[in-house]
Amino acid sequence: MRNVVGLLKGSDPALNDTYILVTAHYDHLGVRQTTDGPVIYNGANDDGSGTVSVIELATAFGSAKVRPKRSIVFMTFFGEERGLLGSRYYSQHPLEPIAKTIADINLEQVGRTDDTEGPRVGGASMTGFDFSDIGPIFAAAGKAVGVDVTKHPKNSDSFFGRSDNQAIANLGVPAHTLCTAYMFPDYHAPGDHWDKVDFANMEKVDRMVALGLYMIADSPTEPRWNASNPKTARYVTAWNALHGAAPAAGQ
């Protein structure tokens, strides 16, 4: 298995040596034995939806007349379901310097709106929403296109370490996973088929992601961890080490 990567070089000579990662994992559970024989676990939402979104975003950005100022790395990881293998590998063998990587937006489960807590149309959530500047940036992007990007009161923090963003965050890079539904009826089950994906809603979510990426890419300032949140202490320490910065007062 391999990580699959595409690079869109930014348009600004002063900023195009900084990089935003847009990621998703393309593996799922494969074929498993059941009482009825071998069954394919297709993983249309987890994480076919994220993989397709990365490809569509890369296509849209690549064909746009106005390119973002910073560079964007579009990447699909292998082995998330086996312990974040692809993202951990990339963190040890980056194609672009980690110190020049300013954010990772990881896309997972953005296709289905039949959340176990109720319909999730026109909404999205980001893990660790208030761990960095990135959550509010995407909330603003969502407001502009009609997608309500919020912090889930329970799952936003507890799911932060359950996807590939964790491997990147461990390095000190502000990294989050954006999803539509944290849990849905066929999670890690054979029934996670393509025909249950809400494609119209996924298109809207992807447009929101594109706008959020432009906002980060064209901003003169880079996203930073929220040092006032005690849950970010390890990531702030890693960021300081990565950039050779002294800890701020109170850290």
C-alpha atoms as a PDB file:
ATOM      1  CA  MET A   1       0.000   0.000   0.000  1.00  0.00           C
ATOM      2  CA  ARG A   2       1.079   3.569  -0.682  1.00  0.00           C
ATOM      3  CA  ASN A   3       0.185   7.100   0.239  1.00  0.00           C
ATOM      4  CA  VAL A   4      -1.021   8.903  -2.895  1.00  0.00           C
ATOM      5  CA  VAL A   5       0.067  12.535  -3.154  1.00  0.00           C
ATOM      6  CA  GLY A   6      -0.449  15.519  -5.430  1.00  0.00           C
ATOM      7  CA  LEU A   7       1.080  18.979  -4.991  1.00  0.00           C
ATOM      8  CA  LEU A   8      -0.438  22.281  -6.071  1.00  0.00           C
ATOM      9  CA  LYS A   9       2.229  24.962  -5.873  1.00  0.00           C
ATOM     10  CA  GLY A  10       1.037  28.264  -4.484  1.00  0.00           C
ATOM     11  CA  SER A  11       1.000  31.464  -6.498  1.00  0.00           C
ATOM     12  CA  ASP A  12       2.731  33.801  -4.040  1.00  0.00           C
ATOM     13  CA  PRO A  13       6.557  33.684  -4.156  1.00  0.00           C
ATOM     14  CA  ALA A  14       6.700  34.741  -0.513  1.00  0.00           C
ATOM     15  CA  LEU A  15       4.228  32.097   0.724  1.00  0.00           C
ATOM     16  CA  ASN A  16       4.416  29.157  -1.656  1.00  0.00           C
ATOM     17  CA  ASP A  17       7.098  27.417   0.374  1.00  0.00           C
ATOM     18  CA  THR A  18       4.504  26.844   3.093  1.00  0.00           C
ATOM     19  CA  TYR A  19       2.097  23.919   2.803  1.00  0.00           C
ATOM     20  CA  ILE A  20      -1.425  22.928   3.769  1.00  0.00           C
ATOM     21  CA  LEU A  21      -2.249  19.221   3.845  1.00  0.00           C
ATOM     22  CA  VAL A  22      -5.677  18.037   2.677  1.00  0.00           C
ATOM     23  CA  THR A  23      -5.973  14.387   3.593  1.00  0.00           C
ATOM     24  CA  ALA A  24      -8.222  11.334   3.884  1.00  0.00           C
ATOM     25  CA  HIS A  25      -7.660   7.593   4.219  1.00  0.00           C
ATOM     26  CA  TYR A  26      -8.545   5.266   1.354  1.00  0.00           C
ATOM     27  CA  ASP A  27      -8.453   1.960   3.239  1.00  0.00           C
ATOM     28  CA  HIS A  28     -11.331   0.277   5.039  1.00  0.00           C
ATOM     29  CA  LEU A  29     -11.840  -3.159   6.604  1.00  0.00           C
ATOM     30  CA  GLY A  30     -11.526  -5.208   3.411  1.00  0.00           C
ATOM     31  CA  VAL A  31     -13.099  -8.645   3.142  1.00  0.00           C
ATOM     32  CA  ARG A  32     -14.251 -10.353   6.329  1.00  0.00           C
ATOM     33  CA  GLN A  33     -15.772 -13.717   7.021  1.00  0.00           C
ATOM     34  CA  THR A  34     -19.361 -13.833   8.221  1.00  0.00           C
ATOM     35  CA  THR A  35     -21.849 -16.617   8.781  1.00  0.00           C
ATOM     36  CA  ASP A  36     -22.918 -16.074   5.166  1.00  0.00           C
ATOM     37  CA  GLY A  37     -19.368 -16.307   3.842  1.00  0.00           C
ATOM     38  CA  PRO A  38     -16.880 -13.571   2.866  1.00  0.00           C
ATOM     39  CA  VAL A  39     -18.339 -10.059   2.754  1.00  0.00           C
ATOM     40  CA  ILE A  40     -16.770  -6.897   1.359  1.00  0.00           C
ATOM     41  CA  TYR A  41     -16.763  -3.928   3.713  1.00  0.00           C
ATOM     42  CA  ASN A  42     -16.827  -1.150   1.127  1.00  0.00           C
ATOM     43  CA  GLY A  43     -16.586   1.829   3.478  1.00  0.00           C
ATOM     44  CA  ALA A  44     -18.356   4.259   1.177  1.00  0.00           C
ATOM     45  CA  ASN A  45     -18.622   6.869   3.902  1.00  0.00           C
ATOM     46  CA  ASP A  46     -15.626   5.714   5.953  1.00  0.00           C
ATOM     47  CA  ASP A  47     -13.712   6.860   4.099  1.00  0.00           C
ATOM     48  CA  GLY A  48     -14.613   6.714   0.436  1.00  0.00           C
ATOM     49  CA  SER A  49     -16.370  10.039   0.930  1.00  0.00           C
ATOM     50  CA  GLY A  50     -13.203  11.691   2.220  1.00  0.00           C
ATOM     51  CA  THR A  51     -11.058  10.153  -0.532  1.00  0.00           C
ATOM     52  CA  VAL A  52     -13.422  11.348  -3.271  1.00  0.00           C
ATOM     53  CA  SER A  53     -13.541  14.790  -1.667  1.00  0.00           C
ATOM     54  CA  VAL A  54      -9.750  15.112  -1.692  1.00  0.00           C
ATOM     55  CA  ILE A  55      -9.693  14.185  -5.393  1.00  0.00           C
ATOM     56  CA  GLU A  56     -12.501  16.616  -6.242  1.00  0.00           C
ATOM     57  CA  LEU A  57     -10.875  19.422  -4.287  1.00  0.00           C
ATOM     58  CA  ALA A  58      -7.551  18.786  -6.026  1.00  0.00           C
ATOM     59  CA  THR A  59      -9.306  18.899  -9.399  1.00  0.00           C
ATOM     60  CA  ALA A  60     -11.117  22.126  -8.548  1.00  0.00           C
ATOM     61  CA  PHE A  61      -8.038  23.899  -7.205  1.00  0.00           C
ATOM     62  CA  GLY A  62      -5.888  22.652 -10.068  1.00  0.00           C
ATOM     63  CA  SER A  63      -8.279  24.040 -12.681  1.00  0.00           C
ATOM     64  CA  ALA A  64      -9.021  27.336 -10.929  1.00  0.00           C
ATOM     65  CA  LYS A  65      -7.948  30.521 -12.668  1.00  0.00           C
ATOM     66  CA  VAL A  66      -6.728  31.983  -9.375  1.00  0.00           C
ATOM     67  CA  ARG A  67      -4.465  29.685  -7.408  1.00  0.00           C
ATOM     68  CA  PRO A  68      -4.097  29.968  -3.630  1.00  0.00           C
ATOM     69  CA  LYS A  69      -1.057  31.829  -2.356  1.00  0.00           C
ATOM     70  CA  ARG A  70       0.259  28.947  -0.257  1.00  0.00           C
ATOM     71  CA  SER A  71       0.914  25.469  -1.613  1.00  0.00           C
ATOM     72  CA  ILE A  72      -1.512  22.616  -0.974  1.00  0.00           C
ATOM     73  CA  VAL A  73      -0.611  18.939  -0.666  1.00  0.00           C
ATOM     74  CA  PHE A  74      -3.536  16.663  -1.519  1.00  0.00           C
ATOM     75  CA  MET A  75      -2.954  13.222  -0.056  1.00  0.00           C
ATOM     76  CA  THR A  76      -4.797   9.980   0.623  1.00  0.00           C
ATOM     77  CA  PHE A  77      -3.343   7.744   3.323  1.00  0.00           C
ATOM     78  CA  PHE A  78      -3.240   3.984   3.590  1.00  0.00           C
ATOM     79  CA  GLY A  79      -3.718   2.033   6.797  1.00  0.00           C
ATOM     80  CA  GLU A  80      -5.754   4.389   8.962  1.00  0.00           C
ATOM     81  CA  GLU A  81      -7.873   1.461  10.113  1.00  0.00           C
ATOM     82  CA  ARG A  82      -4.701  -0.382  11.140  1.00  0.00           C
ATOM     83  CA  GLY A  83      -3.358   2.321  13.414  1.00  0.00           C
ATOM     84  CA  LEU A  84      -2.808   5.435  11.280  1.00  0.00           C
ATOM     85  CA  LEU A  85      -0.038   3.685   9.364  1.00  0.00           C
ATOM     86  CA  GLY A  86       0.019   5.971   6.322  1.00  0.00           C
ATOM     87  CA  SER A  87      -0.108   9.236   8.244  1.00  0.00           C
ATOM     88  CA  ARG A  88       2.498   8.024  10.716  1.00  0.00           C
ATOM     89  CA  TYR A  89       4.727   7.058   7.795  1.00  0.00           C
ATOM     90  CA  TYR A  90       4.299  10.494   6.224  1.00  0.00           C
ATOM     91  CA  SER A  91       5.110  12.170   9.533  1.00  0.00           C
ATOM     92  CA  GLN A  92       8.463  10.349   9.461  1.00  0.00           C
ATOM     93  CA  HIS A  93       9.050  10.742   5.691  1.00  0.00           C
ATOM     94  CA  PRO A  94       7.454  14.064   4.687  1.00  0.00           C
ATOM     95  CA  LEU A  95       7.635  15.194   1.084  1.00  0.00           C
ATOM     96  CA  GLU A  96       7.684  18.807   2.218  1.00  0.00           C
ATOM     97  CA  PRO A  97       9.299  20.109   5.424  1.00  0.00           C
ATOM     98  CA  ILE A  98       7.106  19.653   8.480  1.00  0.00           C
ATOM     99  CA  ALA A  99       8.327  23.008   9.797  1.00  0.00           C
ATOM    100  CA  LYS A 100       6.851  24.565   6.646  1.00  0.00           C
ATOM    101  CA  THR A 101       3.563  22.647   6.955  1.00  0.00           C
ATOM    102  CA  ILE A 102       1.074  24.994   8.558  1.00  0.00           C
ATOM    103  CA  ALA A 103      -2.117  22.879   8.754  1.00  0.00           C
ATOM    104  CA  ASP A 104      -3.735  19.548   8.015  1.00  0.00           C
ATOM    105  CA  ILE A 105      -7.423  19.347   7.125  1.00  0.00           C
ATOM    106  CA  ASN A 106      -8.366  15.682   7.269  1.00  0.00           C
ATOM    107  CA  LEU A 107     -11.704  14.628   5.761  1.00  0.00           C
ATOM    108  CA  GLU A 108     -13.570  11.661   7.168  1.00  0.00           C
ATOM    109  CA  GLN A 109     -17.184  10.530   6.914  1.00  0.00           C
ATOM    110  CA  VAL A 110     -18.393  13.595   5.036  1.00  0.00           C
ATOM    111  CA  GLY A 111     -20.907  11.703   2.874  1.00  0.00           C
ATOM    112  CA  ARG A 112     -23.725  10.435   5.061  1.00  0.00           C
ATOM    113  CA  THR A 113     -26.211  12.616   6.880  1.00  0.00           C
ATOM    114  CA  ASP A 114     -28.048   9.850   8.775  1.00  0.00           C
ATOM    115  CA  ASP A 115     -26.256  10.542  12.022  1.00  0.00           C
ATOM    116  CA  THR A 116     -27.327   8.265  14.868  1.00  0.00           C
ATOM    117  CA  GLU A 117     -28.204  11.431  16.798  1.00  0.00           C
ATOM    118  CA  GLY A 118     -30.511  12.663  14.038  1.00  0.00           C
ATOM    119  CA  PRO A 119     -30.342  14.037  10.476  1.00  0.00           C
ATOM    120  CA  ARG A 120     -27.191  16.005   9.783  1.00  0.00           C
ATOM    121  CA  VAL A 121     -28.056  17.960   6.653  1.00  0.00           C
ATOM    122  CA  GLY A 122     -26.246  21.258   6.175  1.00  0.00           C
ATOM    123  CA  GLY A 123     -23.954  20.672   9.116  1.00  0.00           C
ATOM    124  CA  ALA A 124     -20.421  19.530   9.866  1.00  0.00           C
ATOM    125  CA  SER A 125     -18.153  19.273  12.858  1.00  0.00           C
ATOM    126  CA  MET A 126     -14.433  19.494  13.412  1.00  0.00           C
ATOM    127  CA  THR A 127     -12.506  17.436  15.923  1.00  0.00           C
ATOM    128  CA  GLY A 128     -10.724  19.580  18.476  1.00  0.00           C
ATOM    129  CA  PHE A 129     -12.773  22.519  17.236  1.00  0.00           C
ATOM    130  CA  ASP A 130     -11.260  25.004  19.673  1.00  0.00           C
ATOM    131  CA  PHE A 131      -7.788  23.450  19.830  1.00  0.00           C
ATOM    132  CA  SER A 132      -6.542  25.921  17.208  1.00  0.00           C
ATOM    133  CA  ASP A 133      -7.614  28.779  14.917  1.00  0.00           C
ATOM    134  CA  ILE A 134      -8.774  26.314  12.268  1.00  0.00           C
ATOM    135  CA  GLY A 135     -12.186  25.468  13.725  1.00  0.00           C
ATOM    136  CA  PRO A 136     -13.376  29.098  13.724  1.00  0.00           C
ATOM    137  CA  ILE A 137     -11.966  29.604  10.207  1.00  0.00           C
ATOM    138  CA  PHE A 138     -14.105  26.775   8.870  1.00  0.00           C
ATOM    139  CA  ALA A 139     -17.093  27.987  10.852  1.00  0.00           C
ATOM    140  CA  ALA A 140     -16.774  31.297   8.991  1.00  0.00           C
ATOM    141  CA  ALA A 141     -16.421  29.465   5.673  1.00  0.00           C
ATOM    142  CA  GLY A 142     -19.487  27.395   6.487  1.00  0.00           C
ATOM    143  CA  LYS A 143     -21.522  30.471   7.274  1.00  0.00           C
ATOM    144  CA  ALA A 144     -20.704  31.838   3.838  1.00  0.00           C
ATOM    145  CA  VAL A 145     -21.995  28.753   1.992  1.00  0.00           C
ATOM    146  CA  GLY A 146     -24.772  27.620   4.321  1.00  0.00           C
ATOM    147  CA  VAL A 147     -23.050  24.834   6.263  1.00  0.00           C
ATOM    148  CA  ASP A 148     -23.153  25.038  10.049  1.00  0.00           C
ATOM    149  CA  VAL A 149     -19.685  24.025  11.272  1.00  0.00           C
ATOM    150  CA  THR A 150     -19.782  23.558  15.020  1.00  0.00           C
ATOM    151  CA  LYS A 151     -18.138  21.887  17.980  1.00  0.00           C
ATOM    152  CA  HIS A 152     -19.942  18.710  18.989  1.00  0.00           C
ATOM    153  CA  PRO A 153     -20.284  18.935  22.791  1.00  0.00           C
ATOM    154  CA  LYS A 154     -18.897  15.421  23.319  1.00  0.00           C
ATOM    155  CA  ASN A 155     -17.403  13.981  20.140  1.00  0.00           C
ATOM    156  CA  SER A 156     -15.344  16.947  18.951  1.00  0.00           C
ATOM    157  CA  ASP A 157     -12.668  16.419  21.590  1.00  0.00           C
ATOM    158  CA  SER A 158     -12.998  12.667  22.115  1.00  0.00           C
ATOM    159  CA  PHE A 159     -12.649  11.874  18.387  1.00  0.00           C
ATOM    160  CA  PHE A 160      -9.583  14.099  17.897  1.00  0.00           C
ATOM    161  CA  GLY A 161      -7.212  11.161  18.257  1.00  0.00           C
ATOM    162  CA  ARG A 162      -9.222   8.696  16.177  1.00  0.00           C
ATOM    163  CA  SER A 163      -8.128   9.686  12.678  1.00  0.00           C
ATOM    164  CA  ASP A 164      -5.031  10.615  10.696  1.00  0.00           C
ATOM    165  CA  ASN A 165      -4.918  14.186  11.927  1.00  0.00           C
ATOM    166  CA  GLN A 166      -3.494  12.830  15.185  1.00  0.00           C
ATOM    167  CA  ALA A 167      -0.228  11.704  13.586  1.00  0.00           C
ATOM    168  CA  ILE A 168       0.265  15.162  12.090  1.00  0.00           C
ATOM    169  CA  ALA A 169      -0.777  16.996  15.256  1.00  0.00           C
ATOM    170  CA  ASN A 170       1.808  15.032  17.230  1.00  0.00           C
ATOM    171  CA  LEU A 171       4.467  16.844  15.183  1.00  0.00           C
ATOM    172  CA  GLY A 172       3.133  20.243  16.241  1.00  0.00           C
ATOM    173  CA  VAL A 173       1.168  21.033  13.077  1.00  0.00           C
ATOM    174  CA  PRO A 174      -2.408  22.263  13.700  1.00  0.00           C
ATOM    175  CA  ALA A 175      -4.382  19.300  12.361  1.00  0.00           C
ATOM    176  CA  HIS A 176      -8.058  18.433  12.592  1.00  0.00           C
ATOM    177  CA  THR A 177     -10.586  16.064  11.077  1.00  0.00           C
ATOM    178  CA  LEU A 178     -13.764  17.458   9.564  1.00  0.00           C
ATOM    179  CA  CYS A 179     -16.782  15.185   9.324  1.00  0.00           C
ATOM    180  CA  THR A 180     -20.532  15.317   8.801  1.00  0.00           C
ATOM    181  CA  ALA A 181     -21.626  12.487  11.121  1.00  0.00           C
ATOM    182  CA  TYR A 182     -19.393  11.014  13.793  1.00  0.00           C
ATOM    183  CA  MET A 183     -21.532   7.894  14.022  1.00  0.00           C
ATOM    184  CA  PHE A 184     -24.011   6.438  11.527  1.00  0.00           C
ATOM    185  CA  PRO A 185     -25.988   3.165  11.395  1.00  0.00           C
ATOM    186  CA  ASP A 186     -23.514   1.170   9.252  1.00  0.00           C
ATOM    187  CA  TYR A 187     -20.301   2.370  10.872  1.00  0.00           C
ATOM    188  CA  HIS A 188     -17.683  -0.378  10.322  1.00  0.00           C
ATOM    189  CA  ALA A 189     -20.414  -2.626   8.962  1.00  0.00           C
ATOM    190  CA  PRO A 190     -21.001  -4.158   5.504  1.00  0.00           C
ATOM    191  CA  GLY A 191     -23.930  -1.828   4.834  1.00  0.00           C
ATOM    192  CA  ASP A 192     -21.840   1.305   4.357  1.00  0.00           C
ATOM    193  CA  HIS A 193     -22.703   1.486   0.642  1.00  0.00           C
ATOM    194  CA  TRP A 194     -22.478   4.328  -1.873  1.00  0.00           C
ATOM    195  CA  ASP A 195     -26.238   4.600  -2.294  1.00  0.00           C
ATOM    196  CA  LYS A 196     -26.575   5.836   1.302  1.00  0.00           C
ATOM    197  CA  VAL A 197     -24.343   8.831   0.645  1.00  0.00           C
ATOM    198  CA  ASP A 198     -26.072  12.219   0.463  1.00  0.00           C
ATOM    199  CA  PHE A 199     -24.163  13.501  -2.562  1.00  0.00           C
ATOM    200  CA  ALA A 200     -25.893  16.878  -2.700  1.00  0.00           C
ATOM    201  CA  ASN A 201     -24.955  17.589   0.893  1.00  0.00           C
ATOM    202  CA  MET A 202     -21.419  16.292   0.388  1.00  0.00           C
ATOM    203  CA  GLU A 203     -20.970  18.702  -2.520  1.00  0.00           C
ATOM    204  CA  LYS A 204     -22.023  21.559  -0.259  1.00  0.00           C
ATOM    205  CA  VAL A 205     -19.624  20.447   2.467  1.00  0.00           C
ATOM    206  CA  ASP A 206     -16.784  20.202  -0.032  1.00  0.00           C
ATOM    207  CA  ARG A 207     -17.484  23.737  -1.247  1.00  0.00           C
ATOM    208  CA  MET A 208     -17.214  24.877   2.350  1.00  0.00           C
ATOM    209  CA  VAL A 209     -13.910  23.020   2.716  1.00  0.00           C
ATOM    210  CA  ALA A 210     -12.598  24.675  -0.456  1.00  0.00           C
ATOM    211  CA  LEU A 211     -13.445  28.123   0.864  1.00  0.00           C
ATOM    212  CA  GLY A 212     -11.838  27.354   4.216  1.00  0.00           C
ATOM    213  CA  LEU A 213      -8.687  26.210   2.439  1.00  0.00           C
ATOM    214  CA  TYR A 214      -8.549  29.422   0.437  1.00  0.00           C
ATOM    215  CA  MET A 215      -8.962  31.422   3.642  1.00  0.00           C
ATOM    216  CA  ILE A 216      -5.980  29.683   5.239  1.00  0.00           C
ATOM    217  CA  ALA A 217      -3.892  29.643   2.076  1.00  0.00           C
ATOM    218  CA  ASP A 218      -4.324  33.347   1.335  1.00  0.00           C
ATOM    219  CA  SER A 219      -3.968  34.599   4.894  1.00  0.00           C
ATOM    220  CA  PRO A 220      -0.654  36.265   5.815  1.00  0.00           C
ATOM    221  CA  THR A 221      -0.839  34.579   9.225  1.00  0.00           C
ATOM    222  CA  GLU A 222      -0.588  30.863   9.903  1.00  0.00           C
ATOM    223  CA  PRO A 223      -2.981  28.890  12.129  1.00  0.00           C
ATOM    224  CA  ARG A 224      -1.793  28.446  15.698  1.00  0.00           C
ATOM    225  CA  TRP A 225      -2.703  26.142  18.521  1.00  0.00           C
ATOM    226  CA  ASN A 226      -4.882  27.634  21.253  1.00  0.00           C
ATOM    227  CA  ALA A 227      -2.400  27.694  24.121  1.00  0.00           C
ATOM    228  CA  SER A 228      -5.109  28.661  26.602  1.00  0.00           C
ATOM    229  CA  ASN A 229      -6.799  25.282  26.139  1.00  0.00           C
ATOM    230  CA  PRO A 230      -5.074  22.787  28.471  1.00  0.00           C
ATOM    231  CA  LYS A 231      -5.826  19.944  26.039  1.00  0.00           C
ATOM    232  CA  THR A 232      -3.400  21.445  23.525  1.00  0.00           C
ATOM    233  CA  ALA A 233      -0.335  21.580  25.815  1.00  0.00           C
ATOM    234  CA  ARG A 234       1.476  18.689  24.122  1.00  0.00           C
ATOM    235  CA  TYR A 235       0.809  20.127  20.662  1.00  0.00           C
ATOM    236  CA  VAL A 236       1.952  23.608  21.655  1.00  0.00           C
ATOM    237  CA  THR A 237       5.151  22.095  23.040  1.00  0.00           C
ATOM    238  CA  ALA A 238       5.677  20.182  19.791  1.00  0.00           C
ATOM    239  CA  TRP A 239       5.020  23.342  17.737  1.00  0.00           C
ATOM    240  CA  ASN A 240       7.576  25.278  19.787  1.00  0.00           C
ATOM    241  CA  ALA A 241      10.134  22.506  19.319  1.00  0.00           C
ATOM    242  CA  LEU A 242       9.421  22.338  15.597  1.00  0.00           C
ATOM    243  CA  HIS A 243       9.955  26.053  15.131  1.00  0.00           C
ATOM    244  CA  GLY A 244      12.683  26.557  17.703  1.00  0.00           C
ATOM    245  CA  ALA A 245      10.415  28.865  19.683  1.00  0.00           C
ATOM    246  CA  ALA A 246      10.574  29.472  23.401  1.00  0.00           C
ATOM    247  CA  PRO A 247       7.371  28.614  25.299  1.00  0.00           C
ATOM    248  CA  ALA A 248       5.060  31.551  25.864  1.00  0.00           C
ATOM    249  CA  ALA A 249       4.405  32.766  29.387  1.00  0.00           C
ATOM    250  CA  GLY A 250       2.189  30.368  31.291  1.00  0.00           C
ATOM    251  CA  GLN A 251       3.040  27.352  29.105  1.00  0.00           C
END
